[in-house]
N, C-alpha and C. Protein backbone atom coordinates (compact mmCIF):
# COMPACT_ATOMS: atom_id res chain seq x y z
N MET A 1 0.85 -1.15 -0.04
CA MET A 1 0.03 0.02 -0.02
C MET A 1 1.03 1.20 -0.06
N ILE A 2 0.77 2.02 -1.03
CA ILE A 2 1.59 3.26 -1.07
C ILE A 2 0.88 4.40 -0.33
N LEU A 3 1.71 5.01 0.44
CA LEU A 3 1.12 6.22 1.17
C LEU A 3 0.96 7.38 0.22
N ASP A 4 -0.01 8.32 0.63
CA ASP A 4 -0.08 9.50 -0.23
C ASP A 4 1.13 10.40 -0.12
N ASN A 5 1.56 10.47 1.14
CA ASN A 5 2.92 11.21 1.40
C ASN A 5 3.78 10.37 2.31
N PRO A 6 5.14 10.46 2.09
CA PRO A 6 5.99 9.71 2.93
C PRO A 6 5.88 10.25 4.42
N VAL A 7 6.14 9.45 5.36
CA VAL A 7 6.24 9.78 6.67
C VAL A 7 7.47 9.34 7.40
N THR A 8 7.90 10.07 8.40
CA THR A 8 9.13 9.73 9.05
C THR A 8 8.70 9.33 10.47
N VAL A 9 9.25 8.10 10.96
CA VAL A 9 9.12 7.72 12.28
C VAL A 9 10.52 7.40 12.84
N HIS A 10 10.61 7.18 14.09
CA HIS A 10 11.91 6.91 14.67
C HIS A 10 11.79 5.58 15.41
N ASP A 11 12.94 4.84 15.17
CA ASP A 11 13.08 3.49 15.83
C ASP A 11 13.54 3.60 17.24
N HIS A 12 13.69 2.44 17.91
CA HIS A 12 13.90 2.40 19.33
C HIS A 12 15.27 3.06 19.66
N THR A 13 16.15 3.19 18.60
CA THR A 13 17.48 3.83 18.87
C THR A 13 17.39 5.33 18.51
N GLY A 14 16.28 5.87 18.03
CA GLY A 14 16.08 7.22 17.73
C GLY A 14 16.53 7.52 16.16
N ASN A 15 16.93 6.62 15.51
CA ASN A 15 17.16 6.80 14.03
C ASN A 15 15.91 6.96 13.32
N SER A 16 15.99 7.95 12.32
CA SER A 16 14.75 8.21 11.45
C SER A 16 14.56 7.09 10.45
N VAL A 17 13.28 6.76 10.21
CA VAL A 17 12.96 5.74 9.18
C VAL A 17 11.87 6.38 8.29
N VAL A 18 12.16 6.55 7.08
CA VAL A 18 11.16 7.15 6.16
C VAL A 18 10.30 6.07 5.60
N ILE A 19 8.93 6.19 5.66
CA ILE A 19 8.06 5.07 5.13
C ILE A 19 7.30 5.80 3.98
N GLN A 20 7.34 5.15 2.87
CA GLN A 20 6.62 5.44 1.67
C GLN A 20 5.56 4.54 1.25
N GLN A 21 5.82 3.32 1.69
CA GLN A 21 4.68 2.29 1.43
C GLN A 21 4.84 1.30 2.46
N LEU A 22 3.60 0.52 2.62
CA LEU A 22 3.47 -0.45 3.73
C LEU A 22 3.31 -1.77 3.07
N ASP A 23 4.08 -2.75 3.36
CA ASP A 23 3.88 -4.06 2.88
C ASP A 23 2.95 -4.78 3.94
N ILE A 24 1.65 -5.14 3.44
CA ILE A 24 0.68 -5.60 4.37
C ILE A 24 0.71 -7.14 4.47
N ILE A 25 0.76 -7.64 5.58
CA ILE A 25 0.69 -9.14 5.85
C ILE A 25 -0.55 -9.31 6.75
N LEU A 26 -1.54 -10.04 6.31
CA LEU A 26 -2.70 -10.24 7.06
C LEU A 26 -2.60 -11.62 7.76
N MET A 27 -3.11 -11.60 9.05
CA MET A 27 -3.19 -12.86 9.92
C MET A 27 -4.58 -12.98 10.33
N ASP A 28 -5.25 -14.01 9.95
CA ASP A 28 -6.63 -14.12 10.33
C ASP A 28 -6.81 -15.43 11.21
N HIS A 29 -7.15 -15.16 12.45
CA HIS A 29 -7.25 -16.32 13.39
C HIS A 29 -8.75 -16.45 13.71
N ASN A 30 -9.21 -17.49 13.00
CA ASN A 30 -10.72 -17.79 12.94
C ASN A 30 -11.24 -18.21 14.39
N ALA A 31 -10.46 -19.01 15.04
CA ALA A 31 -10.97 -19.55 16.44
C ALA A 31 -11.05 -18.40 17.36
N ARG A 32 -10.17 -17.45 17.23
CA ARG A 32 -10.06 -16.30 18.23
C ARG A 32 -10.91 -15.06 17.75
N LYS A 33 -11.44 -15.22 16.48
CA LYS A 33 -12.26 -14.16 15.77
C LYS A 33 -11.47 -12.90 15.80
N ILE A 34 -10.29 -12.84 15.11
CA ILE A 34 -9.43 -11.59 15.16
C ILE A 34 -8.58 -11.61 13.85
N VAL A 35 -8.46 -10.40 13.25
CA VAL A 35 -7.65 -10.21 12.04
C VAL A 35 -6.61 -9.18 12.46
N PHE A 36 -5.27 -9.52 12.30
CA PHE A 36 -4.27 -8.57 12.53
C PHE A 36 -3.67 -8.23 11.07
N ALA A 37 -3.13 -7.08 10.96
CA ALA A 37 -2.28 -6.67 9.84
C ALA A 37 -0.91 -6.26 10.38
N ARG A 38 0.03 -6.84 9.74
CA ARG A 38 1.50 -6.53 10.00
C ARG A 38 1.77 -5.47 8.91
N LEU A 39 2.11 -4.36 9.18
CA LEU A 39 2.35 -3.25 8.21
C LEU A 39 3.96 -3.04 8.25
N ALA A 40 4.60 -3.91 7.54
CA ALA A 40 6.08 -3.79 7.42
C ALA A 40 6.47 -2.45 6.76
N PRO A 41 7.36 -1.69 7.29
CA PRO A 41 8.35 -2.23 8.33
C PRO A 41 8.06 -2.05 9.73
N CYS A 42 6.80 -1.73 10.23
CA CYS A 42 6.48 -1.59 11.53
C CYS A 42 6.40 -2.84 12.34
N PRO A 43 7.08 -3.05 13.52
CA PRO A 43 7.13 -4.24 14.21
C PRO A 43 5.92 -4.67 14.85
N LYS A 44 5.00 -3.76 15.30
CA LYS A 44 3.82 -4.16 16.01
C LYS A 44 2.63 -4.41 14.99
N PRO A 45 1.71 -5.25 15.11
CA PRO A 45 0.68 -5.43 14.32
C PRO A 45 -0.53 -4.51 14.69
N LEU A 46 -1.39 -4.31 13.69
CA LEU A 46 -2.61 -3.50 13.90
C LEU A 46 -3.79 -4.41 13.97
N ILE A 47 -4.59 -4.39 14.82
CA ILE A 47 -5.84 -5.24 14.92
C ILE A 47 -7.00 -4.60 13.95
N LEU A 48 -7.30 -5.31 13.00
CA LEU A 48 -8.35 -4.78 12.02
C LEU A 48 -9.77 -5.08 12.53
N TRP A 49 -10.02 -6.34 12.88
CA TRP A 49 -11.38 -6.65 13.38
C TRP A 49 -11.28 -7.74 14.45
N ARG A 50 -12.19 -7.77 15.42
CA ARG A 50 -12.16 -8.79 16.43
C ARG A 50 -13.64 -9.02 16.90
N ASN A 51 -14.03 -10.14 17.25
CA ASN A 51 -15.22 -10.45 17.83
C ASN A 51 -16.39 -10.13 16.97
N ALA A 52 -17.32 -9.32 17.37
CA ALA A 52 -18.49 -9.00 16.57
C ALA A 52 -18.06 -8.26 15.13
N GLU A 53 -17.04 -7.50 15.32
CA GLU A 53 -16.66 -6.76 14.00
C GLU A 53 -15.99 -7.92 12.98
N TYR A 54 -15.40 -8.89 13.57
CA TYR A 54 -14.85 -9.96 12.83
C TYR A 54 -15.93 -10.75 12.02
N ASP A 55 -17.02 -10.94 12.83
CA ASP A 55 -18.25 -11.57 12.17
C ASP A 55 -18.86 -10.67 11.06
N GLU A 56 -18.97 -9.47 11.37
CA GLU A 56 -19.52 -8.50 10.45
C GLU A 56 -18.61 -8.36 9.11
N ALA A 57 -17.26 -8.43 9.26
CA ALA A 57 -16.47 -8.28 8.19
C ALA A 57 -16.52 -9.50 7.23
N GLY A 58 -16.89 -10.61 7.79
CA GLY A 58 -17.07 -11.87 6.93
C GLY A 58 -15.94 -12.20 6.11
N ASP A 59 -16.18 -12.47 4.76
CA ASP A 59 -15.23 -12.73 3.78
C ASP A 59 -14.70 -11.44 3.18
N TYR A 60 -13.83 -10.79 4.00
CA TYR A 60 -13.27 -9.53 3.49
C TYR A 60 -12.31 -9.63 2.38
N THR A 61 -12.14 -8.66 1.60
CA THR A 61 -11.15 -8.62 0.44
C THR A 61 -9.92 -7.89 0.90
N GLN A 62 -8.94 -7.92 0.01
CA GLN A 62 -7.73 -7.19 0.13
C GLN A 62 -8.10 -5.67 0.26
N GLU A 63 -9.04 -5.28 -0.62
CA GLU A 63 -9.42 -3.84 -0.53
C GLU A 63 -10.17 -3.51 0.76
N ASP A 64 -11.00 -4.38 1.24
CA ASP A 64 -11.65 -4.20 2.55
C ASP A 64 -10.63 -3.90 3.65
N ALA A 65 -9.54 -4.79 3.55
CA ALA A 65 -8.47 -4.68 4.64
C ALA A 65 -7.74 -3.40 4.51
N GLU A 66 -7.35 -3.02 3.32
CA GLU A 66 -6.71 -1.68 3.18
C GLU A 66 -7.59 -0.56 3.55
N ASN A 67 -8.80 -0.56 3.26
CA ASN A 67 -9.73 0.46 3.68
C ASN A 67 -9.78 0.59 5.16
N ARG A 68 -9.83 -0.60 5.86
CA ARG A 68 -9.87 -0.61 7.31
C ARG A 68 -8.57 -0.05 7.87
N ILE A 69 -7.52 -0.43 7.22
CA ILE A 69 -6.14 0.08 7.74
C ILE A 69 -6.11 1.59 7.59
N LYS A 70 -6.49 2.13 6.49
CA LYS A 70 -6.57 3.61 6.38
C LYS A 70 -7.48 4.26 7.46
N GLU A 71 -8.66 3.64 7.63
CA GLU A 71 -9.57 4.10 8.64
C GLU A 71 -8.87 4.03 10.09
N LEU A 72 -8.30 3.09 10.44
CA LEU A 72 -7.65 2.91 11.69
C LEU A 72 -6.38 3.78 11.89
N LEU A 73 -5.75 3.99 10.89
CA LEU A 73 -4.55 4.94 10.88
C LEU A 73 -4.96 6.43 11.10
N GLY A 74 -6.15 6.72 10.52
CA GLY A 74 -6.80 7.95 10.73
C GLY A 74 -6.04 9.02 9.95
N SER A 75 -6.35 10.39 10.30
CA SER A 75 -5.77 11.43 9.57
C SER A 75 -4.29 11.74 9.93
N ASP A 76 -3.82 11.34 11.04
CA ASP A 76 -2.46 11.59 11.47
C ASP A 76 -1.72 10.18 11.28
N ILE A 77 -1.43 9.86 10.11
CA ILE A 77 -0.86 8.54 9.74
C ILE A 77 0.61 8.49 10.42
N GLN A 78 1.37 9.54 10.50
CA GLN A 78 2.62 9.58 11.04
C GLN A 78 2.64 9.10 12.55
N ALA A 79 1.63 9.60 13.28
CA ALA A 79 1.57 9.38 14.66
C ALA A 79 1.11 7.86 14.82
N SER A 80 0.19 7.50 13.96
CA SER A 80 -0.31 6.08 14.17
C SER A 80 0.79 5.17 13.75
N LEU A 81 1.59 5.38 12.73
CA LEU A 81 2.72 4.51 12.38
C LEU A 81 3.81 4.52 13.38
N GLN A 82 3.99 5.69 14.01
CA GLN A 82 5.06 5.78 15.12
C GLN A 82 4.65 4.86 16.22
N GLU A 83 3.33 4.83 16.59
CA GLU A 83 2.90 4.02 17.62
C GLU A 83 3.14 2.61 17.37
N LEU A 84 2.96 2.12 16.09
CA LEU A 84 3.19 0.76 15.60
C LEU A 84 4.73 0.48 15.61
N TYR A 85 5.47 1.60 15.51
CA TYR A 85 6.93 1.31 15.33
C TYR A 85 7.58 1.20 16.69
N ARG A 86 6.83 1.71 17.78
CA ARG A 86 7.39 1.76 19.08
C ARG A 86 7.66 0.28 19.66
N VAL A 87 8.76 0.01 20.09
CA VAL A 87 9.00 -1.30 20.61
C VAL A 87 9.01 -1.18 22.18
N SER A 88 8.18 -2.15 22.85
CA SER A 88 8.08 -2.10 24.19
C SER A 88 9.38 -2.56 24.89
N THR A 89 9.65 -1.79 25.96
CA THR A 89 10.93 -2.09 26.68
C THR A 89 10.70 -2.90 27.88
N VAL A 90 9.44 -3.26 28.11
CA VAL A 90 9.18 -4.18 29.28
C VAL A 90 9.37 -5.66 29.04
């Protein structure tokens, strides 16, 4: 998925990483009723649907998943991707 504008995030060492596109890897866990998207190069996954939303999404398409990702990232894509890039120190 190509971003409208490149965004810059910072990794755990403080180095800047410019993201121009996201390589989407979908993980669908039917038994747990949850769909994750790994937006490479971000280390943390994004939850697209779970529980009732999972049931409502049904047989989603790649386009449905990309639209959901855009919805969840919101208007401040840089801040959202920075959160997904943050590595927990715990």
